[in-house]
Amino acid sequence: MRKKEKSEFGQGFIYNLILFAKHWGSIGADIKFWKQIGNEERAYSMWFYGASDHFFDFKIPSCYKKTEIGRLARKLQDECLRLRLPIGMKKATEKDFNNIFNMLEKLAILIDKKLGINDLEAEWN
């Protein structure tokens, strides 16, 4: 039986978006931790430092590369990797965090639209 290959942070398009999004729920605990040690402003930067690892092997399908989906996916990847930069560079903020998840939501809607699915906005969002 052949051993299944693995990637440290995953490799794929939708799969890596999901892996990244799974980190969303930890931001509250991250803020609490950094606040306790007196450095709350580092919470978002450190969150991006960990969560953005899933953009290392992020693969945008060739059929999307020159489309709005591809451009937005690349922008999301670039912005997340920029926000994970080492200490001393621009610190990520709550606004950055919210902008990234708005971008991710827009990307999901564009993908659904391409697949022929008409999304309805969630009341509980």
N, C-alpha and C. Protein backbone atom coordinates (compact mmCIF):
# COMPACT_ATOMS: atom_id res chain seq x y z
N MET A 1 0.84 -1.18 0.00
CA MET A 1 0.00 0.00 0.00
C MET A 1 0.89 1.25 0.00
N ARG A 2 0.59 2.17 -0.87
CA ARG A 2 1.36 3.40 -1.00
C ARG A 2 1.07 4.37 0.14
N LYS A 3 2.13 4.94 0.70
CA LYS A 3 1.96 5.91 1.78
C LYS A 3 1.46 7.23 1.20
N LYS A 4 0.45 7.79 1.82
CA LYS A 4 -0.15 9.04 1.37
C LYS A 4 0.82 10.21 1.63
N GLU A 5 1.02 11.04 0.60
CA GLU A 5 1.87 12.22 0.77
C GLU A 5 1.17 13.25 1.63
N LYS A 6 1.97 14.05 2.33
CA LYS A 6 1.42 15.12 3.15
C LYS A 6 2.22 16.39 2.93
N SER A 7 1.61 17.50 3.24
CA SER A 7 2.24 18.81 3.20
C SER A 7 2.08 19.40 4.60
N GLU A 8 3.07 20.09 5.07
CA GLU A 8 3.02 20.62 6.44
C GLU A 8 1.77 21.49 6.68
N PHE A 9 1.43 22.33 5.71
CA PHE A 9 0.31 23.25 5.89
C PHE A 9 -0.79 23.04 4.86
N GLY A 10 -0.77 21.93 4.15
CA GLY A 10 -1.76 21.62 3.14
C GLY A 10 -1.37 22.18 1.79
N GLN A 11 -1.94 21.60 0.76
CA GLN A 11 -1.71 22.08 -0.59
C GLN A 11 -3.02 21.95 -1.34
N GLY A 12 -3.50 23.06 -1.85
CA GLY A 12 -4.73 23.06 -2.60
C GLY A 12 -5.31 24.46 -2.71
N PHE A 13 -6.50 24.53 -3.23
CA PHE A 13 -7.19 25.81 -3.39
C PHE A 13 -8.27 25.93 -2.31
N ILE A 14 -9.41 25.30 -2.50
CA ILE A 14 -10.48 25.36 -1.51
C ILE A 14 -10.00 24.78 -0.19
N TYR A 15 -9.29 23.66 -0.26
CA TYR A 15 -8.80 23.02 0.96
C TYR A 15 -7.98 23.99 1.81
N ASN A 16 -7.05 24.71 1.20
CA ASN A 16 -6.22 25.64 1.96
C ASN A 16 -7.00 26.85 2.47
N LEU A 17 -8.02 27.27 1.70
CA LEU A 17 -8.89 28.34 2.20
C LEU A 17 -9.60 27.89 3.47
N ILE A 18 -10.06 26.63 3.48
CA ILE A 18 -10.73 26.09 4.66
C ILE A 18 -9.76 25.99 5.84
N LEU A 19 -8.55 25.49 5.58
CA LEU A 19 -7.55 25.39 6.65
C LEU A 19 -7.26 26.76 7.26
N PHE A 20 -7.13 27.77 6.41
CA PHE A 20 -6.91 29.13 6.89
C PHE A 20 -8.10 29.59 7.74
N ALA A 21 -9.31 29.39 7.23
CA ALA A 21 -10.52 29.86 7.90
C ALA A 21 -10.72 29.18 9.25
N LYS A 22 -10.24 27.96 9.40
CA LYS A 22 -10.38 27.24 10.67
C LYS A 22 -9.69 27.98 11.82
N HIS A 23 -8.77 28.85 11.53
CA HIS A 23 -8.06 29.62 12.56
C HIS A 23 -8.91 30.77 13.11
N TRP A 24 -9.98 31.12 12.42
CA TRP A 24 -10.79 32.28 12.79
C TRP A 24 -11.21 32.25 14.25
N GLY A 25 -11.66 31.10 14.72
CA GLY A 25 -12.18 31.00 16.07
C GLY A 25 -11.17 31.21 17.18
N SER A 26 -9.90 31.18 16.86
CA SER A 26 -8.87 31.32 17.91
C SER A 26 -8.50 32.76 18.22
N ILE A 27 -9.00 33.72 17.45
CA ILE A 27 -8.55 35.10 17.66
C ILE A 27 -8.92 35.63 19.05
N GLY A 28 -10.07 35.24 19.59
CA GLY A 28 -10.46 35.70 20.93
C GLY A 28 -9.48 35.25 21.99
N ALA A 29 -9.08 33.99 21.93
CA ALA A 29 -8.10 33.46 22.90
C ALA A 29 -6.75 34.12 22.69
N ASP A 30 -6.39 34.39 21.43
CA ASP A 30 -5.12 35.05 21.14
C ASP A 30 -5.08 36.45 21.74
N ILE A 31 -6.16 37.19 21.57
CA ILE A 31 -6.23 38.55 22.12
C ILE A 31 -6.13 38.49 23.65
N LYS A 32 -6.86 37.57 24.25
CA LYS A 32 -6.82 37.42 25.71
C LYS A 32 -5.40 37.11 26.19
N PHE A 33 -4.72 36.19 25.51
CA PHE A 33 -3.35 35.82 25.90
C PHE A 33 -2.42 37.02 25.80
N TRP A 34 -2.42 37.71 24.67
CA TRP A 34 -1.51 38.83 24.49
C TRP A 34 -1.85 40.00 25.41
N LYS A 35 -3.12 40.16 25.74
CA LYS A 35 -3.53 41.21 26.68
C LYS A 35 -2.97 40.91 28.07
N GLN A 36 -3.01 39.63 28.48
CA GLN A 36 -2.50 39.23 29.80
C GLN A 36 -1.01 39.51 29.94
N ILE A 37 -0.27 39.41 28.86
CA ILE A 37 1.17 39.67 28.97
C ILE A 37 1.52 41.11 28.56
N GLY A 38 0.47 41.94 28.41
CA GLY A 38 0.68 43.37 28.18
C GLY A 38 1.11 43.74 26.79
N ASN A 39 0.74 42.96 25.81
CA ASN A 39 1.16 43.26 24.44
C ASN A 39 0.02 42.94 23.47
N GLU A 40 -1.16 43.45 23.77
CA GLU A 40 -2.38 43.13 23.01
C GLU A 40 -2.25 43.45 21.52
N GLU A 41 -1.48 44.50 21.19
CA GLU A 41 -1.36 44.89 19.78
C GLU A 41 -0.67 43.83 18.91
N ARG A 42 -0.02 42.86 19.53
CA ARG A 42 0.63 41.79 18.76
C ARG A 42 -0.32 40.64 18.42
N ALA A 43 -1.50 40.62 19.02
CA ALA A 43 -2.42 39.49 18.84
C ALA A 43 -2.73 39.21 17.38
N TYR A 44 -3.09 40.21 16.63
CA TYR A 44 -3.47 39.99 15.23
C TYR A 44 -2.26 39.61 14.37
N SER A 45 -1.13 40.25 14.62
CA SER A 45 0.07 39.90 13.86
C SER A 45 0.47 38.45 14.10
N MET A 46 0.41 38.03 15.34
CA MET A 46 0.77 36.64 15.64
C MET A 46 -0.27 35.66 15.10
N TRP A 47 -1.53 36.07 15.10
CA TRP A 47 -2.57 35.23 14.51
C TRP A 47 -2.28 35.02 13.03
N PHE A 48 -1.99 36.12 12.31
CA PHE A 48 -1.67 36.01 10.89
C PHE A 48 -0.40 35.20 10.67
N TYR A 49 0.55 35.33 11.58
CA TYR A 49 1.80 34.58 11.45
C TYR A 49 1.52 33.08 11.41
N GLY A 50 0.58 32.60 12.21
CA GLY A 50 0.24 31.18 12.22
C GLY A 50 -0.74 30.79 11.13
N ALA A 51 -1.83 31.52 11.00
CA ALA A 51 -2.90 31.14 10.07
C ALA A 51 -2.48 31.23 8.60
N SER A 52 -1.63 32.17 8.29
CA SER A 52 -1.25 32.39 6.89
C SER A 52 -0.29 31.35 6.34
N ASP A 53 0.19 30.45 7.18
CA ASP A 53 1.03 29.35 6.69
C ASP A 53 0.31 28.55 5.60
N HIS A 54 -1.02 28.54 5.65
CA HIS A 54 -1.79 27.77 4.68
C HIS A 54 -1.76 28.40 3.28
N PHE A 55 -1.15 29.57 3.15
CA PHE A 55 -1.00 30.19 1.84
C PHE A 55 0.36 29.89 1.19
N PHE A 56 1.22 29.15 1.88
CA PHE A 56 2.51 28.78 1.29
C PHE A 56 2.34 27.90 0.07
N ASP A 57 1.51 26.87 0.18
CA ASP A 57 1.27 25.94 -0.93
C ASP A 57 -0.14 26.10 -1.48
N PHE A 58 -0.63 27.31 -1.48
CA PHE A 58 -1.95 27.64 -2.01
C PHE A 58 -1.87 27.58 -3.53
N LYS A 59 -2.77 26.82 -4.12
CA LYS A 59 -2.76 26.63 -5.58
C LYS A 59 -4.04 27.22 -6.17
N ILE A 60 -3.87 28.22 -7.00
CA ILE A 60 -5.01 28.80 -7.72
C ILE A 60 -5.13 28.04 -9.03
N PRO A 61 -6.28 27.40 -9.28
CA PRO A 61 -6.44 26.64 -10.52
C PRO A 61 -6.20 27.51 -11.75
N SER A 62 -5.56 26.95 -12.76
CA SER A 62 -5.23 27.71 -13.96
C SER A 62 -6.48 28.30 -14.62
N CYS A 63 -7.62 27.63 -14.51
CA CYS A 63 -8.85 28.15 -15.13
C CYS A 63 -9.33 29.45 -14.46
N TYR A 64 -8.83 29.75 -13.28
CA TYR A 64 -9.23 30.96 -12.56
C TYR A 64 -8.16 32.05 -12.57
N LYS A 65 -6.95 31.75 -13.00
CA LYS A 65 -5.84 32.68 -12.84
C LYS A 65 -6.09 34.07 -13.41
N LYS A 66 -6.74 34.17 -14.56
CA LYS A 66 -6.96 35.49 -15.19
C LYS A 66 -8.41 35.95 -15.04
N THR A 67 -9.05 35.48 -13.99
CA THR A 67 -10.44 35.86 -13.72
C THR A 67 -10.51 36.64 -12.42
N GLU A 68 -11.68 37.15 -12.12
CA GLU A 68 -11.88 37.87 -10.86
C GLU A 68 -11.59 36.94 -9.68
N ILE A 69 -11.95 35.66 -9.79
CA ILE A 69 -11.68 34.69 -8.73
C ILE A 69 -10.18 34.58 -8.50
N GLY A 70 -9.43 34.41 -9.58
CA GLY A 70 -7.98 34.27 -9.47
C GLY A 70 -7.31 35.51 -8.92
N ARG A 71 -7.75 36.66 -9.39
CA ARG A 71 -7.16 37.92 -8.91
C ARG A 71 -7.45 38.13 -7.42
N LEU A 72 -8.68 37.84 -7.01
CA LEU A 72 -9.02 38.01 -5.60
C LEU A 72 -8.30 36.98 -4.73
N ALA A 73 -8.18 35.75 -5.23
CA ALA A 73 -7.46 34.71 -4.49
C ALA A 73 -6.00 35.10 -4.30
N ARG A 74 -5.37 35.62 -5.35
CA ARG A 74 -3.97 36.06 -5.27
C ARG A 74 -3.83 37.23 -4.32
N LYS A 75 -4.77 38.17 -4.38
CA LYS A 75 -4.74 39.33 -3.46
C LYS A 75 -4.86 38.86 -2.02
N LEU A 76 -5.77 37.92 -1.76
CA LEU A 76 -5.94 37.36 -0.42
C LEU A 76 -4.65 36.70 0.05
N GLN A 77 -4.06 35.89 -0.79
CA GLN A 77 -2.80 35.23 -0.46
C GLN A 77 -1.70 36.25 -0.16
N ASP A 78 -1.53 37.20 -1.05
CA ASP A 78 -0.47 38.21 -0.88
C ASP A 78 -0.66 39.02 0.40
N GLU A 79 -1.90 39.43 0.65
CA GLU A 79 -2.18 40.26 1.83
C GLU A 79 -1.95 39.47 3.12
N CYS A 80 -2.40 38.22 3.15
CA CYS A 80 -2.18 37.39 4.35
C CYS A 80 -0.70 37.16 4.60
N LEU A 81 0.05 36.89 3.56
CA LEU A 81 1.49 36.67 3.74
C LEU A 81 2.20 37.96 4.15
N ARG A 82 1.72 39.10 3.65
CA ARG A 82 2.29 40.40 4.05
C ARG A 82 2.02 40.65 5.53
N LEU A 83 0.83 40.30 5.98
CA LEU A 83 0.45 40.55 7.38
C LEU A 83 1.15 39.62 8.36
N ARG A 84 1.80 38.57 7.88
CA ARG A 84 2.52 37.65 8.76
C ARG A 84 4.01 38.00 8.84
N LEU A 85 4.37 39.15 8.32
CA LEU A 85 5.77 39.56 8.32
C LEU A 85 6.34 39.62 9.73
N PRO A 86 7.65 39.49 9.83
CA PRO A 86 8.31 39.51 11.15
C PRO A 86 8.05 40.80 11.93
N ILE A 87 8.27 40.69 13.20
CA ILE A 87 8.10 41.83 14.10
C ILE A 87 8.93 43.01 13.59
N GLY A 88 8.42 44.20 13.76
CA GLY A 88 9.11 45.39 13.29
C GLY A 88 8.51 45.92 12.00
N MET A 89 7.81 45.06 11.28
CA MET A 89 7.12 45.49 10.08
C MET A 89 5.73 45.98 10.52
N LYS A 90 4.86 46.30 9.57
CA LYS A 90 3.51 46.75 9.90
C LYS A 90 2.79 45.69 10.73
N LYS A 91 2.25 46.12 11.84
CA LYS A 91 1.48 45.20 12.69
C LYS A 91 0.08 45.04 12.13
N ALA A 92 -0.41 43.82 12.13
CA ALA A 92 -1.78 43.56 11.70
C ALA A 92 -2.75 44.10 12.75
N THR A 93 -3.91 44.50 12.30
CA THR A 93 -4.91 45.09 13.19
C THR A 93 -6.24 44.33 13.07
N GLU A 94 -7.17 44.68 13.93
CA GLU A 94 -8.51 44.12 13.84
C GLU A 94 -9.14 44.46 12.49
N LYS A 95 -8.88 45.66 12.00
CA LYS A 95 -9.39 46.07 10.68
C LYS A 95 -8.85 45.15 9.59
N ASP A 96 -7.55 44.84 9.65
CA ASP A 96 -6.95 43.92 8.68
C ASP A 96 -7.63 42.55 8.75
N PHE A 97 -7.84 42.07 9.97
CA PHE A 97 -8.49 40.78 10.20
C PHE A 97 -9.87 40.76 9.55
N ASN A 98 -10.66 41.80 9.81
CA ASN A 98 -12.01 41.88 9.25
C ASN A 98 -11.99 42.01 7.73
N ASN A 99 -11.06 42.81 7.20
CA ASN A 99 -10.94 42.96 5.75
C ASN A 99 -10.61 41.63 5.07
N ILE A 100 -9.72 40.86 5.67
CA ILE A 100 -9.34 39.56 5.10
C ILE A 100 -10.54 38.63 5.06
N PHE A 101 -11.32 38.59 6.14
CA PHE A 101 -12.47 37.68 6.14
C PHE A 101 -13.60 38.18 5.24
N ASN A 102 -13.70 39.48 5.03
CA ASN A 102 -14.64 40.00 4.03
C ASN A 102 -14.19 39.58 2.63
N MET A 103 -12.89 39.63 2.39
CA MET A 103 -12.33 39.21 1.11
C MET A 103 -12.57 37.71 0.88
N LEU A 104 -12.38 36.92 1.92
CA LEU A 104 -12.60 35.48 1.84
C LEU A 104 -14.07 35.18 1.53
N GLU A 105 -14.98 35.91 2.18
CA GLU A 105 -16.41 35.73 1.93
C GLU A 105 -16.75 36.08 0.48
N LYS A 106 -16.19 37.18 -0.02
CA LYS A 106 -16.42 37.59 -1.40
C LYS A 106 -15.91 36.51 -2.36
N LEU A 107 -14.74 35.95 -2.06
CA LEU A 107 -14.17 34.89 -2.90
C LEU A 107 -15.10 33.68 -2.93
N ALA A 108 -15.63 33.30 -1.78
CA ALA A 108 -16.55 32.16 -1.72
C ALA A 108 -17.80 32.41 -2.57
N ILE A 109 -18.33 33.62 -2.51
CA ILE A 109 -19.51 33.96 -3.30
C ILE A 109 -19.20 33.91 -4.79
N LEU A 110 -18.02 34.41 -5.19
CA LEU A 110 -17.62 34.36 -6.59
C LEU A 110 -17.49 32.92 -7.09
N ILE A 111 -16.92 32.06 -6.26
CA ILE A 111 -16.77 30.65 -6.63
C ILE A 111 -18.14 30.00 -6.78
N ASP A 112 -19.03 30.26 -5.83
CA ASP A 112 -20.39 29.71 -5.93
C ASP A 112 -21.07 30.19 -7.21
N LYS A 113 -20.94 31.48 -7.50
CA LYS A 113 -21.55 32.04 -8.70
C LYS A 113 -21.02 31.33 -9.95
N LYS A 114 -19.72 31.11 -9.98
CA LYS A 114 -19.09 30.41 -11.12
C LYS A 114 -19.64 28.98 -11.24
N LEU A 115 -19.98 28.38 -10.11
CA LEU A 115 -20.52 27.02 -10.10
C LEU A 115 -22.03 27.00 -10.36
N GLY A 116 -22.64 28.18 -10.54
CA GLY A 116 -24.06 28.25 -10.83
C GLY A 116 -24.94 28.31 -9.60
N ILE A 117 -24.36 28.64 -8.46
CA ILE A 117 -25.11 28.71 -7.21
C ILE A 117 -25.34 30.18 -6.86
N ASN A 118 -26.60 30.54 -6.66
CA ASN A 118 -26.93 31.91 -6.25
C ASN A 118 -26.99 31.96 -4.74
N ASP A 119 -26.02 32.57 -4.14
CA ASP A 119 -25.97 32.68 -2.68
C ASP A 119 -27.01 33.65 -2.17
N LEU A 120 -27.48 33.41 -0.97
CA LEU A 120 -28.32 34.34 -0.24
C LEU A 120 -27.53 34.77 0.99
N GLU A 121 -27.55 36.06 1.28
CA GLU A 121 -26.81 36.56 2.44
C GLU A 121 -27.37 35.95 3.72
N ALA A 122 -26.47 35.55 4.59
CA ALA A 122 -26.86 34.94 5.86
C ALA A 122 -27.32 36.00 6.84
N GLU A 123 -28.42 35.74 7.55
CA GLU A 123 -28.85 36.64 8.61
C GLU A 123 -27.86 36.61 9.76
N TRP A 124 -27.36 35.42 10.08
CA TRP A 124 -26.42 35.23 11.20
C TRP A 124 -25.01 35.17 10.62
N ASN A 125 -24.44 36.32 10.40
CA ASN A 125 -23.14 36.40 9.77
C ASN A 125 -22.16 37.09 10.69
